[in-house]
Amino acid sequence: MKNYEKCIRVIEDFPKKGISFKDICPLLMDPKAFDESIEDMAKIVRKWDCDILAGPEARGFIFALPLAQKLGKGFVMARKKGKLPGKTLSKTYDIEYGTDTIEVPAFAIKPGTRVVLVDDLLATGGTIEALIELFEEVGAKVVGVITLIELTDLNGKEAISAPYESLIKYPH
């Protein structure tokens, strides 16, 4: 596994004072490093034997779609409320100052479907756990969660009820 930290730009006090933002743009601008990150994620995801991959907008799409293609699996978009056409399945969850709602197309998830969730970063785990609950409410099984980055000090890993791995760990 490559040392991906050198492909992440850390920007202090963005978007507000006290936040240490992890910018994935340099990784995305390096085709070789990005391809290697997808391959390293694929090595992990293969052991979970999934049917589909799902990722929350917008940065989850960046990693989930090429990973799904590499593994020969389908990809399901998880979007904010009102962004998907047709019938959707939705889950409302708490965020720092209120609530948010995430949705997936209703036709995409069937009972027994084995799902892996993919995102760029795990912080508090709220969005990922909401997706796990959403999928499991309709009888699907989230068999794993993978992110490029984990912010370990925020304990998001403890907030999610599925096996979890990341390629990079930052304290905050």
C-alpha atoms as a PDB file:
ATOM      1  CA  MET A   1       0.000   0.000   0.000  1.00  0.00           C
ATOM      2  CA  LYS A   2       1.268   3.407  -1.020  1.00  0.00           C
ATOM      3  CA  ASN A   3       1.944   6.301   1.360  1.00  0.00           C
ATOM      4  CA  TYR A   4      -1.112   8.328   0.316  1.00  0.00           C
ATOM      5  CA  GLU A   5      -0.585  11.008   2.973  1.00  0.00           C
ATOM      6  CA  LYS A   6       1.873  12.727   0.641  1.00  0.00           C
ATOM      7  CA  CYS A   7      -1.022  13.133  -1.837  1.00  0.00           C
ATOM      8  CA  ILE A   8      -3.295  14.865   0.690  1.00  0.00           C
ATOM      9  CA  ARG A   9      -3.068  18.595   1.313  1.00  0.00           C
ATOM     10  CA  VAL A  10      -3.836  19.597   4.908  1.00  0.00           C
ATOM     11  CA  ILE A  11      -5.313  23.077   5.218  1.00  0.00           C
ATOM     12  CA  GLU A  12      -5.600  24.436   8.748  1.00  0.00           C
ATOM     13  CA  ASP A  13      -8.562  26.554   9.852  1.00  0.00           C
ATOM     14  CA  PHE A  14     -10.710  25.683   6.811  1.00  0.00           C
ATOM     15  CA  PRO A  15     -13.657  25.997   6.392  1.00  0.00           C
ATOM     16  CA  LYS A  16     -13.554  27.579   9.853  1.00  0.00           C
ATOM     17  CA  LYS A  17     -11.077  28.116  12.665  1.00  0.00           C
ATOM     18  CA  GLY A  18     -10.112  24.885  14.413  1.00  0.00           C
ATOM     19  CA  ILE A  19     -10.831  22.612  11.420  1.00  0.00           C
ATOM     20  CA  SER A  20      -7.912  20.803   9.771  1.00  0.00           C
ATOM     21  CA  PHE A  21      -9.256  20.164   6.254  1.00  0.00           C
ATOM     22  CA  LYS A  22      -7.963  17.142   4.336  1.00  0.00           C
ATOM     23  CA  ASP A  23      -7.904  18.081   0.639  1.00  0.00           C
ATOM     24  CA  ILE A  24      -7.994  15.100  -1.741  1.00  0.00           C
ATOM     25  CA  CYS A  25      -7.451  17.250  -4.870  1.00  0.00           C
ATOM     26  CA  PRO A  26      -3.715  16.448  -5.175  1.00  0.00           C
ATOM     27  CA  LEU A  27      -4.518  12.706  -5.133  1.00  0.00           C
ATOM     28  CA  LEU A  28      -7.176  13.214  -7.803  1.00  0.00           C
ATOM     29  CA  MET A  29      -4.702  15.159  -9.937  1.00  0.00           C
ATOM     30  CA  ASP A  30      -2.205  12.275  -9.840  1.00  0.00           C
ATOM     31  CA  PRO A  31      -3.655   9.526 -12.100  1.00  0.00           C
ATOM     32  CA  LYS A  32      -1.157   6.909 -10.892  1.00  0.00           C
ATOM     33  CA  ALA A  33      -1.751   7.578  -7.184  1.00  0.00           C
ATOM     34  CA  PHE A  34      -5.533   7.702  -7.677  1.00  0.00           C
ATOM     35  CA  ASP A  35      -5.485   4.407  -9.586  1.00  0.00           C
ATOM     36  CA  GLU A  36      -3.328   2.846  -6.859  1.00  0.00           C
ATOM     37  CA  SER A  37      -5.767   4.049  -4.181  1.00  0.00           C
ATOM     38  CA  ILE A  38      -8.654   2.401  -6.042  1.00  0.00           C
ATOM     39  CA  GLU A  39      -6.639  -0.822  -6.374  1.00  0.00           C
ATOM     40  CA  ASP A  40      -5.761  -0.803  -2.659  1.00  0.00           C
ATOM     41  CA  MET A  41      -9.420  -0.230  -1.778  1.00  0.00           C
ATOM     42  CA  ALA A  42     -10.401  -3.074  -4.115  1.00  0.00           C
ATOM     43  CA  LYS A  43      -8.070  -5.455  -2.275  1.00  0.00           C
ATOM     44  CA  ILE A  44      -9.966  -4.701   0.931  1.00  0.00           C
ATOM     45  CA  VAL A  45     -13.478  -4.724  -0.559  1.00  0.00           C
ATOM     46  CA  ARG A  46     -13.000  -8.086  -2.303  1.00  0.00           C
ATOM     47  CA  LYS A  47     -12.958  -9.872   1.061  1.00  0.00           C
ATOM     48  CA  TRP A  48     -16.465  -8.559   1.863  1.00  0.00           C
ATOM     49  CA  ASP A  49     -18.118 -10.322  -1.119  1.00  0.00           C
ATOM     50  CA  CYS A  50     -20.642  -7.606  -1.955  1.00  0.00           C
ATOM     51  CA  ASP A  51     -23.299  -7.254  -4.647  1.00  0.00           C
ATOM     52  CA  ILE A  52     -23.160  -3.471  -4.991  1.00  0.00           C
ATOM     53  CA  LEU A  53     -21.256  -0.437  -3.784  1.00  0.00           C
ATOM     54  CA  ALA A  54     -22.904   2.777  -2.614  1.00  0.00           C
ATOM     55  CA  GLY A  55     -21.413   6.175  -1.932  1.00  0.00           C
ATOM     56  CA  PRO A  56     -22.759   9.447  -0.589  1.00  0.00           C
ATOM     57  CA  GLU A  57     -22.544  12.584  -2.668  1.00  0.00           C
ATOM     58  CA  ALA A  58     -20.356  14.129  -3.713  1.00  0.00           C
ATOM     59  CA  ARG A  59     -16.907  12.874  -2.833  1.00  0.00           C
ATOM     60  CA  GLY A  60     -18.105   9.342  -2.101  1.00  0.00           C
ATOM     61  CA  PHE A  61     -18.978   9.123  -5.810  1.00  0.00           C
ATOM     62  CA  ILE A  62     -15.347   9.848  -6.730  1.00  0.00           C
ATOM     63  CA  PHE A  63     -14.129   6.647  -5.078  1.00  0.00           C
ATOM     64  CA  ALA A  64     -17.190   4.383  -5.183  1.00  0.00           C
ATOM     65  CA  LEU A  65     -17.819   4.458  -8.933  1.00  0.00           C
ATOM     66  CA  PRO A  66     -14.315   3.512 -10.171  1.00  0.00           C
ATOM     67  CA  LEU A  67     -14.093   0.963  -7.362  1.00  0.00           C
ATOM     68  CA  ALA A  68     -17.417  -0.585  -8.443  1.00  0.00           C
ATOM     69  CA  GLN A  69     -16.209  -0.710 -12.051  1.00  0.00           C
ATOM     70  CA  LYS A  70     -12.914  -2.338 -11.060  1.00  0.00           C
ATOM     71  CA  LEU A  71     -14.801  -4.998  -9.079  1.00  0.00           C
ATOM     72  CA  GLY A  72     -17.500  -5.554 -11.717  1.00  0.00           C
ATOM     73  CA  LYS A  73     -20.250  -4.404  -9.324  1.00  0.00           C
ATOM     74  CA  GLY A  74     -23.097  -1.927  -9.578  1.00  0.00           C
ATOM     75  CA  PHE A  75     -22.982   1.514  -7.998  1.00  0.00           C
ATOM     76  CA  VAL A  76     -25.816   3.222  -6.096  1.00  0.00           C
ATOM     77  CA  MET A  77     -25.814   6.981  -5.551  1.00  0.00           C
ATOM     78  CA  ALA A  78     -26.795   8.220  -2.091  1.00  0.00           C
ATOM     79  CA  ARG A  79     -27.939  11.824  -2.382  1.00  0.00           C
ATOM     80  CA  LYS A  80     -29.414  14.585  -0.298  1.00  0.00           C
ATOM     81  CA  LYS A  81     -33.210  14.741  -0.154  1.00  0.00           C
ATOM     82  CA  GLY A  82     -34.919  15.790  -3.378  1.00  0.00           C
ATOM     83  CA  LYS A  83     -31.974  15.141  -5.720  1.00  0.00           C
ATOM     84  CA  LEU A  84     -33.044  11.723  -7.079  1.00  0.00           C
ATOM     85  CA  PRO A  85     -35.983  11.111  -9.442  1.00  0.00           C
ATOM     86  CA  GLY A  86     -38.692   8.542  -8.803  1.00  0.00           C
ATOM     87  CA  LYS A  87     -39.393   6.632  -5.630  1.00  0.00           C
ATOM     88  CA  THR A  88     -36.624   6.796  -3.046  1.00  0.00           C
ATOM     89  CA  LEU A  89     -35.764   5.308   0.313  1.00  0.00           C
ATOM     90  CA  SER A  90     -34.729   7.938   2.826  1.00  0.00           C
ATOM     91  CA  LYS A  91     -33.220   8.313   6.274  1.00  0.00           C
ATOM     92  CA  THR A  92     -33.116  11.462   8.382  1.00  0.00           C
ATOM     93  CA  TYR A  93     -30.245  11.748  10.830  1.00  0.00           C
ATOM     94  CA  ASP A  94     -28.731  14.260  13.225  1.00  0.00           C
ATOM     95  CA  ILE A  95     -25.909  16.550  12.165  1.00  0.00           C
ATOM     96  CA  GLU A  96     -24.007  19.146  14.169  1.00  0.00           C
ATOM     97  CA  TYR A  97     -26.755  21.802  14.101  1.00  0.00           C
ATOM     98  CA  GLY A  98     -29.962  20.031  13.070  1.00  0.00           C
ATOM     99  CA  THR A  99     -30.856  17.161  10.780  1.00  0.00           C
ATOM    100  CA  ASP A 100     -30.167  16.013   7.244  1.00  0.00           C
ATOM    101  CA  THR A 101     -31.819  13.428   5.010  1.00  0.00           C
ATOM    102  CA  ILE A 102     -30.098  11.022   2.645  1.00  0.00           C
ATOM    103  CA  GLU A 103     -31.851   9.042  -0.098  1.00  0.00           C
ATOM    104  CA  VAL A 104     -31.189   6.168  -2.484  1.00  0.00           C
ATOM    105  CA  PRO A 105     -33.292   4.974  -5.435  1.00  0.00           C
ATOM    106  CA  ALA A 106     -35.895   2.489  -4.132  1.00  0.00           C
ATOM    107  CA  PHE A 107     -35.418   0.117  -7.090  1.00  0.00           C
ATOM    108  CA  ALA A 108     -31.695  -0.271  -6.391  1.00  0.00           C
ATOM    109  CA  ILE A 109     -31.897  -2.063  -3.045  1.00  0.00           C
ATOM    110  CA  LYS A 110     -33.592  -5.410  -2.464  1.00  0.00           C
ATOM    111  CA  PRO A 111     -33.732  -7.609   0.626  1.00  0.00           C
ATOM    112  CA  GLY A 112     -30.578  -9.695   0.836  1.00  0.00           C
ATOM    113  CA  THR A 113     -28.435  -7.285  -1.192  1.00  0.00           C
ATOM    114  CA  ARG A 114     -24.871  -7.177   0.170  1.00  0.00           C
ATOM    115  CA  VAL A 115     -23.658  -3.571   0.166  1.00  0.00           C
ATOM    116  CA  VAL A 116     -20.279  -1.908   0.689  1.00  0.00           C
ATOM    117  CA  LEU A 117     -20.334   1.805   1.490  1.00  0.00           C
ATOM    118  CA  VAL A 118     -17.524   3.960   0.100  1.00  0.00           C
ATOM    119  CA  ASP A 119     -16.614   7.537   0.977  1.00  0.00           C
ATOM    120  CA  ASP A 120     -13.598   9.808   0.893  1.00  0.00           C
ATOM    121  CA  LEU A 121     -13.452  10.492   4.635  1.00  0.00           C
ATOM    122  CA  LEU A 122     -14.868   9.201   7.907  1.00  0.00           C
ATOM    123  CA  ALA A 123     -15.305  11.867  10.582  1.00  0.00           C
ATOM    124  CA  THR A 124     -18.126  11.343  13.091  1.00  0.00           C
ATOM    125  CA  GLY A 125     -19.748   8.514  11.108  1.00  0.00           C
ATOM    126  CA  GLY A 126     -23.236  10.068  11.045  1.00  0.00           C
ATOM    127  CA  THR A 127     -23.853   9.864   7.296  1.00  0.00           C
ATOM    128  CA  ILE A 128     -22.418   6.353   7.017  1.00  0.00           C
ATOM    129  CA  GLU A 129     -24.462   5.031   9.951  1.00  0.00           C
ATOM    130  CA  ALA A 130     -27.609   6.618   8.478  1.00  0.00           C
ATOM    131  CA  LEU A 131     -26.936   4.750   5.229  1.00  0.00           C
ATOM    132  CA  ILE A 132     -26.340   1.490   7.093  1.00  0.00           C
ATOM    133  CA  GLU A 133     -29.681   1.910   8.874  1.00  0.00           C
ATOM    134  CA  LEU A 134     -31.428   2.824   5.599  1.00  0.00           C
ATOM    135  CA  PHE A 135     -30.165  -0.266   3.782  1.00  0.00           C
ATOM    136  CA  GLU A 136     -30.823  -2.598   6.681  1.00  0.00           C
ATOM    137  CA  GLU A 137     -34.392  -1.292   7.150  1.00  0.00           C
ATOM    138  CA  VAL A 138     -35.232  -2.765   3.724  1.00  0.00           C
ATOM    139  CA  GLY A 139     -33.439  -6.051   4.395  1.00  0.00           C
ATOM    140  CA  ALA A 140     -30.107  -5.350   2.708  1.00  0.00           C
ATOM    141  CA  LYS A 141     -26.859  -6.058   4.571  1.00  0.00           C
ATOM    142  CA  VAL A 142     -23.976  -3.584   4.749  1.00  0.00           C
ATOM    143  CA  VAL A 143     -21.003  -5.947   4.782  1.00  0.00           C
ATOM    144  CA  GLY A 144     -18.304  -3.289   4.895  1.00  0.00           C
ATOM    145  CA  VAL A 145     -17.399   0.384   4.834  1.00  0.00           C
ATOM    146  CA  ILE A 146     -14.230   1.815   3.320  1.00  0.00           C
ATOM    147  CA  THR A 147     -12.898   5.353   3.140  1.00  0.00           C
ATOM    148  CA  LEU A 148      -9.708   6.882   1.874  1.00  0.00           C
ATOM    149  CA  ILE A 149      -9.242   8.883   5.114  1.00  0.00           C
ATOM    150  CA  GLU A 150     -10.245   8.296   8.736  1.00  0.00           C
ATOM    151  CA  LEU A 151     -10.103  11.101  11.316  1.00  0.00           C
ATOM    152  CA  THR A 152      -9.369   8.871  14.302  1.00  0.00           C
ATOM    153  CA  ASP A 153      -9.895  11.466  17.063  1.00  0.00           C
ATOM    154  CA  LEU A 154     -13.556  11.854  16.066  1.00  0.00           C
ATOM    155  CA  ASN A 155     -14.284   8.158  16.784  1.00  0.00           C
ATOM    156  CA  GLY A 156     -16.481   7.721  13.714  1.00  0.00           C
ATOM    157  CA  LYS A 157     -15.461   4.079  13.518  1.00  0.00           C
ATOM    158  CA  GLU A 158     -17.244   3.428  16.821  1.00  0.00           C
ATOM    159  CA  ALA A 159     -20.416   5.074  15.470  1.00  0.00           C
ATOM    160  CA  ILE A 160     -20.830   2.655  12.561  1.00  0.00           C
ATOM    161  CA  SER A 161     -22.184  -0.860  12.889  1.00  0.00           C
ATOM    162  CA  ALA A 162     -20.313  -2.549  10.032  1.00  0.00           C
ATOM    163  CA  PRO A 163     -16.727  -3.682   9.404  1.00  0.00           C
ATOM    164  CA  TYR A 164     -14.612  -0.645   8.536  1.00  0.00           C
ATOM    165  CA  GLU A 165     -11.216   0.086   6.966  1.00  0.00           C
ATOM    166  CA  SER A 166      -9.394   3.133   5.615  1.00  0.00           C
ATOM    167  CA  LEU A 167      -6.201   3.739   3.678  1.00  0.00           C
ATOM    168  CA  ILE A 168      -5.093   6.821   5.672  1.00  0.00           C
ATOM    169  CA  LYS A 169      -5.502   7.694   9.352  1.00  0.00           C
ATOM    170  CA  TYR A 170      -5.165  11.228  10.720  1.00  0.00           C
ATOM    171  CA  PRO A 171      -5.612  12.134  14.373  1.00  0.00           C
ATOM    172  CA  HIS A 172      -7.874  15.078  13.417  1.00  0.00           C
END
